[in-house]
Amino acid sequence: MRIVIAGGHGQIALRLERLLAARGDEVAGIIRAAGQADDLRSAGAEPVVLDLESATVDQVAQALSGADAVVFAAGAGPGSTIERKDSVDRDAAVKLADAAEQAGVRRYLMISAMGADTAHRGDGVFDAYLRAKGAADEAVRARRTLEWTVLRPGALTDDAGTGHVRLEARTGRGRIPRDDVAAVLAELVETPATAGLTLELIGGSVPVSVAVKDVAGN
């Protein structure tokens, strides 16, 4: 498979690139800063320098040409403004969906967030983030031409992955190593039977491959 990851230099994205490249997939990562290219190459991914905030849908669609799947892993990041929560966490995800449709890429994986909700209340930056992620999820889930899966991890940690998770429509709050989020994404991307599902993910006792098969109904 050829898989393009938007936000290719993110902590989960780099882990995912290594996993996909190791199993023989062709991986590309969209990055804004050319200085990040060597990190992607070290992870086994082809760097594609493109600013999702300013790029046109046509430009993003060109970057997706020939892809079998796309993963939205971009984010404005800690310390960013409320405005960038909208322009990156919401608008860039929608732009990627537009571009996927234009490029004929059906499989779309969205890394969302636990608690993402357009109706979330609060005036803080994190509140704005949850609203932006909720809006992005809604926009992607409305696409009938996309085989989308929305993944909502719990609190992310840098602990070593365990390879065991809890993956369900509703899990409740919990923590999850980034390693395990990447492992779940690697399974989801080649499990089209999970299309149309919004899933929560925290640490648990079920092996990753089994957890994905369970939610897929296999």
N, C-alpha and C. Protein backbone atom coordinates (compact mmCIF):
# COMPACT_ATOMS: atom_id res chain seq x y z
N MET A 1 0.83 -1.20 0.00
CA MET A 1 0.00 0.00 0.00
C MET A 1 0.87 1.25 0.00
N ARG A 2 0.34 2.31 -0.62
CA ARG A 2 0.96 3.63 -0.48
C ARG A 2 0.08 4.44 0.47
N ILE A 3 0.70 4.91 1.54
CA ILE A 3 -0.03 5.62 2.59
C ILE A 3 0.61 6.99 2.79
N VAL A 4 -0.21 8.02 2.75
CA VAL A 4 0.27 9.38 2.96
C VAL A 4 -0.23 9.88 4.31
N ILE A 5 0.69 10.39 5.11
CA ILE A 5 0.37 10.85 6.47
C ILE A 5 0.52 12.35 6.53
N ALA A 6 -0.56 13.05 6.79
CA ALA A 6 -0.52 14.50 6.97
C ALA A 6 -0.08 14.79 8.40
N GLY A 7 0.90 15.68 8.53
CA GLY A 7 1.50 15.89 9.85
C GLY A 7 2.56 14.83 10.10
N GLY A 8 3.37 14.60 9.08
CA GLY A 8 4.28 13.45 9.08
C GLY A 8 5.41 13.49 10.08
N HIS A 9 5.61 14.65 10.73
CA HIS A 9 6.69 14.74 11.72
C HIS A 9 6.17 14.68 13.15
N GLY A 10 4.89 14.42 13.32
CA GLY A 10 4.33 14.29 14.65
C GLY A 10 4.84 13.05 15.36
N GLN A 11 4.67 13.04 16.67
CA GLN A 11 5.21 11.92 17.45
C GLN A 11 4.55 10.59 17.10
N ILE A 12 3.25 10.60 16.90
CA ILE A 12 2.57 9.37 16.49
C ILE A 12 2.91 9.06 15.04
N ALA A 13 2.95 10.09 14.20
CA ALA A 13 3.21 9.89 12.77
C ALA A 13 4.56 9.22 12.53
N LEU A 14 5.60 9.68 13.20
CA LEU A 14 6.92 9.08 13.00
C LEU A 14 6.93 7.61 13.43
N ARG A 15 6.25 7.30 14.51
CA ARG A 15 6.15 5.91 14.95
C ARG A 15 5.40 5.08 13.90
N LEU A 16 4.31 5.65 13.38
CA LEU A 16 3.53 4.94 12.38
C LEU A 16 4.33 4.73 11.10
N GLU A 17 5.08 5.73 10.69
CA GLU A 17 5.90 5.60 9.48
C GLU A 17 6.89 4.45 9.62
N ARG A 18 7.51 4.33 10.77
CA ARG A 18 8.46 3.23 10.98
C ARG A 18 7.77 1.87 10.86
N LEU A 19 6.59 1.76 11.47
CA LEU A 19 5.86 0.49 11.42
C LEU A 19 5.44 0.14 10.00
N LEU A 20 4.92 1.11 9.29
CA LEU A 20 4.44 0.84 7.92
C LEU A 20 5.61 0.52 6.99
N ALA A 21 6.70 1.28 7.10
CA ALA A 21 7.86 1.02 6.25
C ALA A 21 8.46 -0.35 6.55
N ALA A 22 8.48 -0.73 7.82
CA ALA A 22 9.06 -2.02 8.21
C ALA A 22 8.29 -3.20 7.63
N ARG A 23 6.99 -3.02 7.43
CA ARG A 23 6.23 -4.14 6.87
C ARG A 23 6.12 -4.07 5.34
N GLY A 24 6.79 -3.07 4.76
CA GLY A 24 6.89 -3.03 3.31
C GLY A 24 5.96 -2.08 2.60
N ASP A 25 5.21 -1.27 3.35
CA ASP A 25 4.36 -0.28 2.71
C ASP A 25 5.20 0.89 2.20
N GLU A 26 4.67 1.57 1.20
CA GLU A 26 5.29 2.80 0.70
C GLU A 26 4.65 3.95 1.46
N VAL A 27 5.47 4.73 2.15
CA VAL A 27 4.96 5.75 3.06
C VAL A 27 5.47 7.13 2.67
N ALA A 28 4.58 8.12 2.69
CA ALA A 28 4.97 9.51 2.50
C ALA A 28 4.39 10.32 3.63
N GLY A 29 5.13 11.33 4.06
CA GLY A 29 4.67 12.19 5.14
C GLY A 29 4.65 13.64 4.70
N ILE A 30 3.52 14.30 4.86
CA ILE A 30 3.42 15.72 4.53
C ILE A 30 3.92 16.54 5.72
N ILE A 31 4.90 17.40 5.45
CA ILE A 31 5.50 18.22 6.50
C ILE A 31 5.55 19.67 6.03
N ARG A 32 5.53 20.59 6.98
CA ARG A 32 5.59 22.00 6.63
C ARG A 32 7.02 22.50 6.53
N ALA A 33 7.91 21.95 7.36
CA ALA A 33 9.29 22.44 7.44
C ALA A 33 10.24 21.47 6.74
N ALA A 34 10.98 21.98 5.76
CA ALA A 34 11.92 21.14 5.02
C ALA A 34 12.99 20.55 5.93
N GLY A 35 13.28 21.23 7.03
CA GLY A 35 14.30 20.75 7.95
C GLY A 35 13.93 19.45 8.65
N GLN A 36 12.66 19.04 8.54
CA GLN A 36 12.22 17.79 9.16
C GLN A 36 12.38 16.59 8.24
N ALA A 37 12.81 16.83 7.00
CA ALA A 37 12.82 15.77 5.99
C ALA A 37 13.70 14.59 6.37
N ASP A 38 14.87 14.86 6.95
CA ASP A 38 15.78 13.76 7.29
C ASP A 38 15.18 12.84 8.34
N ASP A 39 14.40 13.40 9.27
CA ASP A 39 13.77 12.57 10.29
C ASP A 39 12.78 11.60 9.64
N LEU A 40 12.07 12.07 8.62
CA LEU A 40 11.13 11.18 7.92
C LEU A 40 11.87 10.11 7.14
N ARG A 41 12.95 10.50 6.49
CA ARG A 41 13.73 9.51 5.73
C ARG A 41 14.27 8.44 6.67
N SER A 42 14.70 8.86 7.87
CA SER A 42 15.21 7.89 8.85
C SER A 42 14.11 6.93 9.30
N ALA A 43 12.85 7.40 9.26
CA ALA A 43 11.72 6.55 9.64
C ALA A 43 11.24 5.69 8.48
N GLY A 44 11.83 5.89 7.30
CA GLY A 44 11.45 5.10 6.14
C GLY A 44 10.38 5.72 5.29
N ALA A 45 10.14 7.04 5.48
CA ALA A 45 9.07 7.72 4.75
C ALA A 45 9.64 8.76 3.79
N GLU A 46 8.92 8.97 2.72
CA GLU A 46 9.26 10.01 1.75
C GLU A 46 8.70 11.34 2.24
N PRO A 47 9.54 12.36 2.42
CA PRO A 47 9.02 13.65 2.87
C PRO A 47 8.38 14.43 1.73
N VAL A 48 7.23 15.01 2.00
CA VAL A 48 6.54 15.88 1.05
C VAL A 48 6.34 17.22 1.74
N VAL A 49 7.07 18.23 1.30
CA VAL A 49 7.03 19.54 1.95
C VAL A 49 5.83 20.32 1.41
N LEU A 50 4.86 20.57 2.29
CA LEU A 50 3.63 21.24 1.89
C LEU A 50 2.95 21.78 3.14
N ASP A 51 2.60 23.05 3.13
CA ASP A 51 1.92 23.68 4.27
C ASP A 51 0.42 23.49 4.11
N LEU A 52 -0.16 22.63 4.93
CA LEU A 52 -1.58 22.33 4.79
C LEU A 52 -2.47 23.55 5.04
N GLU A 53 -1.99 24.48 5.83
CA GLU A 53 -2.79 25.68 6.10
C GLU A 53 -2.94 26.56 4.87
N SER A 54 -1.87 26.71 4.11
CA SER A 54 -1.90 27.63 2.97
C SER A 54 -2.07 26.93 1.62
N ALA A 55 -1.86 25.64 1.56
CA ALA A 55 -1.95 24.92 0.29
C ALA A 55 -3.39 24.89 -0.21
N THR A 56 -3.54 24.80 -1.52
CA THR A 56 -4.86 24.63 -2.10
C THR A 56 -5.25 23.15 -2.07
N VAL A 57 -6.53 22.89 -2.26
CA VAL A 57 -6.99 21.51 -2.33
C VAL A 57 -6.31 20.80 -3.50
N ASP A 58 -6.13 21.48 -4.61
CA ASP A 58 -5.46 20.88 -5.76
C ASP A 58 -4.03 20.46 -5.42
N GLN A 59 -3.33 21.30 -4.68
CA GLN A 59 -1.95 20.98 -4.30
C GLN A 59 -1.90 19.77 -3.37
N VAL A 60 -2.82 19.71 -2.43
CA VAL A 60 -2.85 18.56 -1.52
C VAL A 60 -3.24 17.30 -2.29
N ALA A 61 -4.20 17.42 -3.19
CA ALA A 61 -4.61 16.26 -4.00
C ALA A 61 -3.45 15.73 -4.81
N GLN A 62 -2.61 16.62 -5.31
CA GLN A 62 -1.43 16.18 -6.06
C GLN A 62 -0.50 15.36 -5.17
N ALA A 63 -0.36 15.79 -3.91
CA ALA A 63 0.49 15.05 -2.98
C ALA A 63 -0.08 13.68 -2.65
N LEU A 64 -1.39 13.52 -2.83
CA LEU A 64 -2.04 12.24 -2.53
C LEU A 64 -2.14 11.32 -3.74
N SER A 65 -1.66 11.78 -4.88
CA SER A 65 -1.79 11.00 -6.11
C SER A 65 -1.17 9.61 -5.94
N GLY A 66 -1.93 8.59 -6.28
CA GLY A 66 -1.44 7.22 -6.21
C GLY A 66 -1.54 6.58 -4.84
N ALA A 67 -2.07 7.30 -3.87
CA ALA A 67 -2.17 6.74 -2.50
C ALA A 67 -3.36 5.78 -2.40
N ASP A 68 -3.20 4.81 -1.53
CA ASP A 68 -4.28 3.90 -1.19
C ASP A 68 -5.02 4.33 0.07
N ALA A 69 -4.35 5.13 0.90
CA ALA A 69 -4.93 5.58 2.16
C ALA A 69 -4.24 6.84 2.62
N VAL A 70 -4.97 7.65 3.38
CA VAL A 70 -4.39 8.84 4.00
C VAL A 70 -4.68 8.80 5.49
N VAL A 71 -3.78 9.39 6.26
CA VAL A 71 -3.94 9.49 7.71
C VAL A 71 -3.78 10.94 8.10
N PHE A 72 -4.76 11.49 8.81
CA PHE A 72 -4.62 12.85 9.32
C PHE A 72 -4.02 12.79 10.71
N ALA A 73 -2.75 13.19 10.80
CA ALA A 73 -2.04 13.19 12.08
C ALA A 73 -1.50 14.57 12.40
N ALA A 74 -1.97 15.58 11.67
CA ALA A 74 -1.48 16.94 11.87
C ALA A 74 -2.16 17.58 13.08
N GLY A 75 -1.51 18.61 13.60
CA GLY A 75 -2.09 19.34 14.72
C GLY A 75 -1.35 20.63 14.95
N ALA A 76 -2.04 21.61 15.47
CA ALA A 76 -1.40 22.90 15.73
C ALA A 76 -0.35 22.79 16.84
N GLY A 77 -0.54 21.84 17.73
CA GLY A 77 0.46 21.58 18.76
C GLY A 77 0.31 22.43 20.00
N PRO A 78 1.01 22.05 21.07
CA PRO A 78 0.95 22.79 22.33
C PRO A 78 1.44 24.22 22.13
N GLY A 79 0.82 25.14 22.83
CA GLY A 79 1.26 26.52 22.76
C GLY A 79 0.68 27.29 21.59
N SER A 80 -0.10 26.65 20.74
CA SER A 80 -0.68 27.34 19.61
C SER A 80 -1.94 28.10 20.02
N THR A 81 -2.37 28.99 19.16
CA THR A 81 -3.51 29.84 19.47
C THR A 81 -4.83 29.14 19.17
N ILE A 82 -5.91 29.73 19.66
CA ILE A 82 -7.24 29.22 19.36
C ILE A 82 -7.48 29.24 17.85
N GLU A 83 -6.99 30.31 17.20
CA GLU A 83 -7.19 30.44 15.76
C GLU A 83 -6.55 29.28 15.00
N ARG A 84 -5.40 28.82 15.45
CA ARG A 84 -4.72 27.73 14.75
C ARG A 84 -5.35 26.37 15.07
N LYS A 85 -6.06 26.27 16.18
CA LYS A 85 -6.83 25.05 16.40
C LYS A 85 -7.85 24.89 15.28
N ASP A 86 -8.44 26.01 14.87
CA ASP A 86 -9.40 25.95 13.77
C ASP A 86 -8.71 25.74 12.43
N SER A 87 -7.62 26.46 12.17
CA SER A 87 -7.00 26.42 10.85
C SER A 87 -6.24 25.12 10.59
N VAL A 88 -5.77 24.46 11.65
CA VAL A 88 -5.04 23.20 11.47
C VAL A 88 -5.90 22.00 11.89
N ASP A 89 -6.28 21.96 13.15
CA ASP A 89 -6.98 20.78 13.66
C ASP A 89 -8.34 20.57 13.00
N ARG A 90 -8.98 21.66 12.58
CA ARG A 90 -10.26 21.53 11.88
C ARG A 90 -10.10 21.65 10.37
N ASP A 91 -9.66 22.84 9.94
CA ASP A 91 -9.69 23.14 8.50
C ASP A 91 -8.75 22.27 7.68
N ALA A 92 -7.57 21.97 8.21
CA ALA A 92 -6.63 21.14 7.45
C ALA A 92 -7.15 19.72 7.29
N ALA A 93 -7.86 19.23 8.30
CA ALA A 93 -8.45 17.89 8.19
C ALA A 93 -9.53 17.85 7.11
N VAL A 94 -10.32 18.92 7.06
CA VAL A 94 -11.36 19.01 6.03
C VAL A 94 -10.73 19.13 4.65
N LYS A 95 -9.67 19.94 4.56
CA LYS A 95 -8.97 20.09 3.28
C LYS A 95 -8.39 18.76 2.81
N LEU A 96 -7.85 17.98 3.74
CA LEU A 96 -7.31 16.68 3.37
C LEU A 96 -8.42 15.76 2.86
N ALA A 97 -9.60 15.84 3.47
CA ALA A 97 -10.74 15.05 3.00
C ALA A 97 -11.15 15.49 1.60
N ASP A 98 -11.20 16.80 1.38
CA ASP A 98 -11.51 17.31 0.04
C ASP A 98 -10.51 16.78 -0.99
N ALA A 99 -9.23 16.84 -0.62
CA ALA A 99 -8.17 16.41 -1.53
C ALA A 99 -8.22 14.90 -1.77
N ALA A 100 -8.54 14.15 -0.73
CA ALA A 100 -8.65 12.69 -0.90
C ALA A 100 -9.76 12.36 -1.89
N GLU A 101 -10.89 13.03 -1.75
CA GLU A 101 -11.98 12.81 -2.70
C GLU A 101 -11.55 13.16 -4.12
N GLN A 102 -10.86 14.27 -4.26
CA GLN A 102 -10.42 14.70 -5.58
C GLN A 102 -9.41 13.73 -6.18
N ALA A 103 -8.53 13.19 -5.34
CA ALA A 103 -7.49 12.27 -5.81
C ALA A 103 -7.98 10.84 -5.94
N GLY A 104 -9.21 10.59 -5.51
CA GLY A 104 -9.76 9.24 -5.59
C GLY A 104 -9.23 8.29 -4.53
N VAL A 105 -8.82 8.85 -3.39
CA VAL A 105 -8.34 8.03 -2.27
C VAL A 105 -9.51 7.83 -1.31
N ARG A 106 -9.94 6.63 -1.14
CA ARG A 106 -11.14 6.38 -0.33
C ARG A 106 -10.84 6.19 1.15
N ARG A 107 -9.74 5.52 1.48
CA ARG A 107 -9.46 5.18 2.89
C ARG A 107 -8.89 6.40 3.60
N TYR A 108 -9.54 6.81 4.69
CA TYR A 108 -9.15 8.02 5.42
C TYR A 108 -9.19 7.70 6.91
N LEU A 109 -8.05 7.82 7.56
CA LEU A 109 -7.97 7.63 9.01
C LEU A 109 -7.76 8.97 9.69
N MET A 110 -8.57 9.25 10.66
CA MET A 110 -8.50 10.50 11.41
C MET A 110 -8.02 10.24 12.83
N ILE A 111 -6.90 10.85 13.21
CA ILE A 111 -6.51 10.82 14.61
C ILE A 111 -7.22 11.99 15.29
N SER A 112 -8.17 11.67 16.11
CA SER A 112 -8.97 12.68 16.78
C SER A 112 -8.54 12.75 18.25
N ALA A 113 -9.46 13.02 19.13
CA ALA A 113 -9.14 13.16 20.55
C ALA A 113 -10.31 12.73 21.39
N MET A 114 -10.03 12.12 22.51
CA MET A 114 -11.07 11.77 23.47
C MET A 114 -11.78 13.06 23.91
N GLY A 115 -13.09 13.05 23.81
CA GLY A 115 -13.87 14.22 24.22
C GLY A 115 -14.10 15.24 23.13
N ALA A 116 -13.63 14.96 21.89
CA ALA A 116 -13.87 15.88 20.79
C ALA A 116 -15.37 16.07 20.58
N ASP A 117 -15.81 17.33 20.53
CA ASP A 117 -17.24 17.60 20.48
C ASP A 117 -17.46 19.07 20.10
N THR A 118 -18.23 19.32 19.05
CA THR A 118 -18.49 20.70 18.65
C THR A 118 -19.25 21.48 19.73
N ALA A 119 -19.94 20.77 20.60
CA ALA A 119 -20.73 21.44 21.65
C ALA A 119 -19.95 21.59 22.96
N HIS A 120 -18.67 21.21 22.95
CA HIS A 120 -17.87 21.32 24.18
C HIS A 120 -17.83 22.78 24.63
N ARG A 121 -18.01 22.98 25.92
CA ARG A 121 -18.04 24.34 26.46
C ARG A 121 -16.71 24.72 27.09
N GLY A 122 -16.45 26.01 27.11
CA GLY A 122 -15.23 26.51 27.74
C GLY A 122 -14.54 27.53 26.85
N ASP A 123 -13.75 28.39 27.48
CA ASP A 123 -13.09 29.47 26.76
C ASP A 123 -11.59 29.26 26.58
N GLY A 124 -11.07 28.15 27.08
CA GLY A 124 -9.64 27.90 26.99
C GLY A 124 -9.21 27.37 25.64
N VAL A 125 -7.90 27.33 25.44
CA VAL A 125 -7.35 26.84 24.18
C VAL A 125 -7.68 25.35 24.00
N PHE A 126 -7.60 24.58 25.09
CA PHE A 126 -7.91 23.16 24.96
C PHE A 126 -9.39 22.94 24.66
N ASP A 127 -10.24 23.80 25.20
CA ASP A 127 -11.67 23.73 24.88
C ASP A 127 -11.88 23.97 23.38
N ALA A 128 -11.17 24.96 22.85
CA ALA A 128 -11.26 25.25 21.41
C ALA A 128 -10.75 24.08 20.59
N TYR A 129 -9.70 23.43 21.11
CA TYR A 129 -9.14 22.26 20.42
C TYR A 129 -10.18 21.14 20.33
N LEU A 130 -10.88 20.86 21.41
CA LEU A 130 -11.88 19.80 21.40
C LEU A 130 -13.04 20.13 20.46
N ARG A 131 -13.41 21.39 20.39
CA ARG A 131 -14.46 21.79 19.45
C ARG A 131 -13.97 21.65 18.00
N ALA A 132 -12.73 22.06 17.77
CA ALA A 132 -12.17 21.96 16.41
C ALA A 132 -12.07 20.50 15.96
N LYS A 133 -11.61 19.64 16.87
CA LYS A 133 -11.51 18.22 16.52
C LYS A 133 -12.90 17.62 16.29
N GLY A 134 -13.87 18.04 17.11
CA GLY A 134 -15.22 17.56 16.91
C GLY A 134 -15.78 17.97 15.56
N ALA A 135 -15.51 19.22 15.16
CA ALA A 135 -15.98 19.70 13.86
C ALA A 135 -15.31 18.96 12.72
N ALA A 136 -14.01 18.69 12.86
CA ALA A 136 -13.30 17.93 11.83
C ALA A 136 -13.87 16.53 11.71
N ASP A 137 -14.12 15.89 12.85
CA ASP A 137 -14.70 14.54 12.82
C ASP A 137 -16.04 14.54 12.09
N GLU A 138 -16.89 15.51 12.41
CA GLU A 138 -18.20 15.57 11.79
C GLU A 138 -18.09 15.77 10.28
N ALA A 139 -17.16 16.63 9.87
CA ALA A 139 -17.01 16.91 8.45
C ALA A 139 -16.53 15.68 7.69
N VAL A 140 -15.63 14.93 8.28
CA VAL A 140 -15.12 13.73 7.62
C VAL A 140 -16.18 12.63 7.60
N ARG A 141 -16.89 12.48 8.69
CA ARG A 141 -17.90 11.42 8.78
C ARG A 141 -19.08 11.67 7.84
N ALA A 142 -19.22 12.89 7.37
CA ALA A 142 -20.31 13.21 6.43
C ALA A 142 -19.97 12.82 4.99
N ARG A 143 -18.71 12.42 4.73
CA ARG A 143 -18.28 12.10 3.37
C ARG A 143 -18.68 10.68 3.00
N ARG A 144 -19.60 10.56 2.11
CA ARG A 144 -20.04 9.22 1.70
C ARG A 144 -19.06 8.55 0.75
N THR A 145 -18.18 9.32 0.16
CA THR A 145 -17.20 8.74 -0.77
C THR A 145 -15.95 8.23 -0.05
N LEU A 146 -15.82 8.55 1.24
CA LEU A 146 -14.64 8.13 1.99
C LEU A 146 -14.94 6.94 2.89
N GLU A 147 -13.99 6.04 2.97
CA GLU A 147 -14.05 4.92 3.92
C GLU A 147 -13.27 5.37 5.16
N TRP A 148 -13.94 6.15 5.98
CA TRP A 148 -13.26 6.79 7.10
C TRP A 148 -13.34 5.96 8.37
N THR A 149 -12.31 6.11 9.19
CA THR A 149 -12.31 5.62 10.56
C THR A 149 -11.75 6.73 11.44
N VAL A 150 -12.47 7.07 12.49
CA VAL A 150 -12.02 8.09 13.43
C VAL A 150 -11.51 7.41 14.69
N LEU A 151 -10.27 7.70 15.06
CA LEU A 151 -9.66 7.10 16.25
C LEU A 151 -9.46 8.19 17.30
N ARG A 152 -10.02 7.97 18.49
CA ARG A 152 -9.93 8.94 19.58
C ARG A 152 -9.14 8.36 20.74
N PRO A 153 -7.83 8.59 20.76
CA PRO A 153 -7.02 8.07 21.86
C PRO A 153 -7.28 8.84 23.16
N GLY A 154 -6.99 8.17 24.27
CA GLY A 154 -7.01 8.83 25.56
C GLY A 154 -5.76 9.67 25.76
N ALA A 155 -5.41 9.91 27.01
CA ALA A 155 -4.24 10.73 27.32
C ALA A 155 -2.97 10.04 26.82
N LEU A 156 -2.21 10.74 26.00
CA LEU A 156 -1.04 10.14 25.36
C LEU A 156 0.17 10.17 26.28
N THR A 157 0.94 9.08 26.25
CA THR A 157 2.16 9.01 27.03
C THR A 157 3.31 8.55 26.14
N ASP A 158 4.53 8.76 26.62
CA ASP A 158 5.71 8.29 25.92
C ASP A 158 6.23 6.98 26.51
N ASP A 159 5.42 6.31 27.32
CA ASP A 159 5.80 5.00 27.84
C ASP A 159 5.98 4.02 26.68
N ALA A 160 6.77 3.01 26.90
CA ALA A 160 6.92 1.98 25.87
C ALA A 160 5.58 1.29 25.64
N GLY A 161 5.29 1.01 24.39
CA GLY A 161 4.04 0.34 24.07
C GLY A 161 3.99 -1.06 24.66
N THR A 162 2.79 -1.49 24.99
CA THR A 162 2.61 -2.84 25.54
C THR A 162 2.09 -3.81 24.48
N GLY A 163 1.54 -3.27 23.39
CA GLY A 163 0.93 -4.13 22.38
C GLY A 163 -0.45 -4.61 22.77
N HIS A 164 -0.96 -4.11 23.90
CA HIS A 164 -2.29 -4.50 24.38
C HIS A 164 -3.11 -3.23 24.64
N VAL A 165 -4.35 -3.23 24.20
CA VAL A 165 -5.16 -2.02 24.24
C VAL A 165 -6.61 -2.35 24.56
N ARG A 166 -7.38 -1.29 24.75
CA ARG A 166 -8.83 -1.39 24.79
C ARG A 166 -9.36 -0.47 23.69
N LEU A 167 -10.00 -1.04 22.71
CA LEU A 167 -10.47 -0.33 21.53
C LEU A 167 -11.96 -0.61 21.36
N GLU A 168 -12.76 0.41 21.63
CA GLU A 168 -14.21 0.23 21.60
C GLU A 168 -14.87 1.54 21.20
N ALA A 169 -16.16 1.49 20.93
CA ALA A 169 -16.90 2.73 20.64
C ALA A 169 -16.83 3.67 21.83
N ARG A 170 -16.89 3.13 23.03
CA ARG A 170 -16.77 3.92 24.25
C ARG A 170 -15.91 3.16 25.24
N THR A 171 -14.82 3.78 25.65
CA THR A 171 -13.93 3.12 26.61
C THR A 171 -13.93 3.82 27.96
N GLY A 172 -14.30 5.09 28.01
CA GLY A 172 -14.06 5.89 29.20
C GLY A 172 -12.63 6.40 29.17
N ARG A 173 -12.33 7.28 30.09
CA ARG A 173 -11.02 7.93 30.12
C ARG A 173 -9.92 6.94 30.46
N GLY A 174 -8.73 7.24 29.98
CA GLY A 174 -7.58 6.39 30.27
C GLY A 174 -6.36 6.90 29.55
N ARG A 175 -5.25 6.24 29.76
CA ARG A 175 -3.98 6.61 29.14
C ARG A 175 -3.61 5.60 28.09
N ILE A 176 -2.77 6.04 27.14
CA ILE A 176 -2.35 5.13 26.07
C ILE A 176 -0.99 5.59 25.54
N PRO A 177 0.00 4.67 25.48
CA PRO A 177 1.29 5.05 24.90
C PRO A 177 1.16 5.37 23.41
N ARG A 178 1.91 6.35 22.96
CA ARG A 178 1.91 6.68 21.54
C ARG A 178 2.31 5.48 20.68
N ASP A 179 3.20 4.65 21.20
CA ASP A 179 3.58 3.44 20.47
C ASP A 179 2.36 2.60 20.13
N ASP A 180 1.47 2.45 21.08
CA ASP A 180 0.29 1.61 20.86
C ASP A 180 -0.73 2.28 19.95
N VAL A 181 -0.81 3.61 19.99
CA VAL A 181 -1.68 4.31 19.05
C VAL A 181 -1.21 4.06 17.62
N ALA A 182 0.10 4.17 17.41
CA ALA A 182 0.65 3.92 16.08
C ALA A 182 0.39 2.49 15.64
N ALA A 183 0.53 1.54 16.55
CA ALA A 183 0.30 0.14 16.21
C ALA A 183 -1.15 -0.10 15.80
N VAL A 184 -2.07 0.53 16.51
CA VAL A 184 -3.49 0.40 16.16
C VAL A 184 -3.76 1.02 14.79
N LEU A 185 -3.20 2.18 14.53
CA LEU A 185 -3.38 2.82 13.23
C LEU A 185 -2.85 1.95 12.10
N ALA A 186 -1.71 1.31 12.33
CA ALA A 186 -1.14 0.44 11.30
C ALA A 186 -2.07 -0.72 10.98
N GLU A 187 -2.76 -1.21 11.99
CA GLU A 187 -3.74 -2.29 11.75
C GLU A 187 -5.01 -1.75 11.08
N LEU A 188 -5.47 -0.59 11.53
CA LEU A 188 -6.70 -0.01 10.99
C LEU A 188 -6.58 0.32 9.51
N VAL A 189 -5.42 0.81 9.11
CA VAL A 189 -5.27 1.28 7.73
C VAL A 189 -5.49 0.16 6.72
N GLU A 190 -5.21 -1.06 7.13
CA GLU A 190 -5.42 -2.18 6.21
C GLU A 190 -6.61 -3.05 6.63
N THR A 191 -7.50 -2.46 7.43
CA THR A 191 -8.72 -3.16 7.84
C THR A 191 -9.92 -2.32 7.43
N PRO A 192 -10.30 -2.37 6.14
CA PRO A 192 -11.40 -1.52 5.66
C PRO A 192 -12.73 -1.84 6.32
N ALA A 193 -12.84 -2.98 6.97
CA ALA A 193 -14.10 -3.31 7.66
C ALA A 193 -14.36 -2.39 8.84
N THR A 194 -13.36 -1.59 9.24
CA THR A 194 -13.57 -0.62 10.32
C THR A 194 -14.08 0.72 9.78
N ALA A 195 -14.29 0.82 8.48
CA ALA A 195 -14.81 2.06 7.90
C ALA A 195 -16.17 2.38 8.50
N GLY A 196 -16.39 3.66 8.78
CA GLY A 196 -17.65 4.09 9.35
C GLY A 196 -17.70 4.04 10.86
N LEU A 197 -16.56 3.71 11.50
CA LEU A 197 -16.53 3.59 12.96
C LEU A 197 -15.78 4.75 13.60
N THR A 198 -16.28 5.21 14.73
CA THR A 198 -15.56 6.14 15.59
C THR A 198 -15.20 5.37 16.84
N LEU A 199 -13.89 5.27 17.10
CA LEU A 199 -13.40 4.37 18.14
C LEU A 199 -12.58 5.11 19.18
N GLU A 200 -12.77 4.75 20.44
CA GLU A 200 -11.93 5.27 21.51
C GLU A 200 -10.87 4.23 21.85
N LEU A 201 -9.71 4.74 22.29
CA LEU A 201 -8.56 3.86 22.52
C LEU A 201 -7.84 4.24 23.80
N ILE A 202 -7.68 3.26 24.68
CA ILE A 202 -6.87 3.42 25.90
C ILE A 202 -6.09 2.14 26.12
N GLY A 203 -5.22 2.16 27.11
CA GLY A 203 -4.49 0.95 27.44
C GLY A 203 -5.44 -0.15 27.89
N GLY A 204 -5.07 -1.39 27.63
CA GLY A 204 -5.95 -2.49 27.99
C GLY A 204 -5.23 -3.82 27.96
N SER A 205 -5.99 -4.88 27.80
CA SER A 205 -5.42 -6.23 27.90
C SER A 205 -5.55 -7.04 26.61
N VAL A 206 -6.10 -6.44 25.56
CA VAL A 206 -6.33 -7.17 24.32
C VAL A 206 -5.22 -6.87 23.31
N PRO A 207 -4.60 -7.87 22.71
CA PRO A 207 -3.58 -7.61 21.70
C PRO A 207 -4.12 -6.72 20.58
N VAL A 208 -3.28 -5.84 20.07
CA VAL A 208 -3.72 -4.86 19.08
C VAL A 208 -4.44 -5.51 17.92
N SER A 209 -3.86 -6.52 17.31
CA SER A 209 -4.48 -7.14 16.13
C SER A 209 -5.84 -7.73 16.46
N VAL A 210 -5.97 -8.32 17.64
CA VAL A 210 -7.25 -8.90 18.05
C VAL A 210 -8.28 -7.80 18.30
N ALA A 211 -7.85 -6.70 18.94
CA ALA A 211 -8.76 -5.60 19.22
C ALA A 211 -9.33 -5.02 17.93
N VAL A 212 -8.50 -4.87 16.91
CA VAL A 212 -8.96 -4.34 15.64
C VAL A 212 -9.91 -5.32 14.96
N LYS A 213 -9.58 -6.58 14.99
CA LYS A 213 -10.47 -7.58 14.39
C LYS A 213 -11.82 -7.62 15.12
N ASP A 214 -11.78 -7.44 16.42
CA ASP A 214 -13.02 -7.47 17.19
C ASP A 214 -13.96 -6.33 16.78
N VAL A 215 -13.42 -5.12 16.66
CA VAL A 215 -14.29 -4.00 16.29
C VAL A 215 -14.73 -4.08 14.84
N ALA A 216 -13.93 -4.77 14.03
CA ALA A 216 -14.29 -4.93 12.62
C ALA A 216 -15.33 -6.01 12.41
N GLY A 217 -15.58 -6.77 13.48
CA GLY A 217 -16.56 -7.85 13.38
C GLY A 217 -16.02 -9.11 12.76
N ASN A 218 -14.66 -9.24 12.75
CA ASN A 218 -14.05 -10.45 12.16
C ASN A 218 -13.85 -11.54 13.20
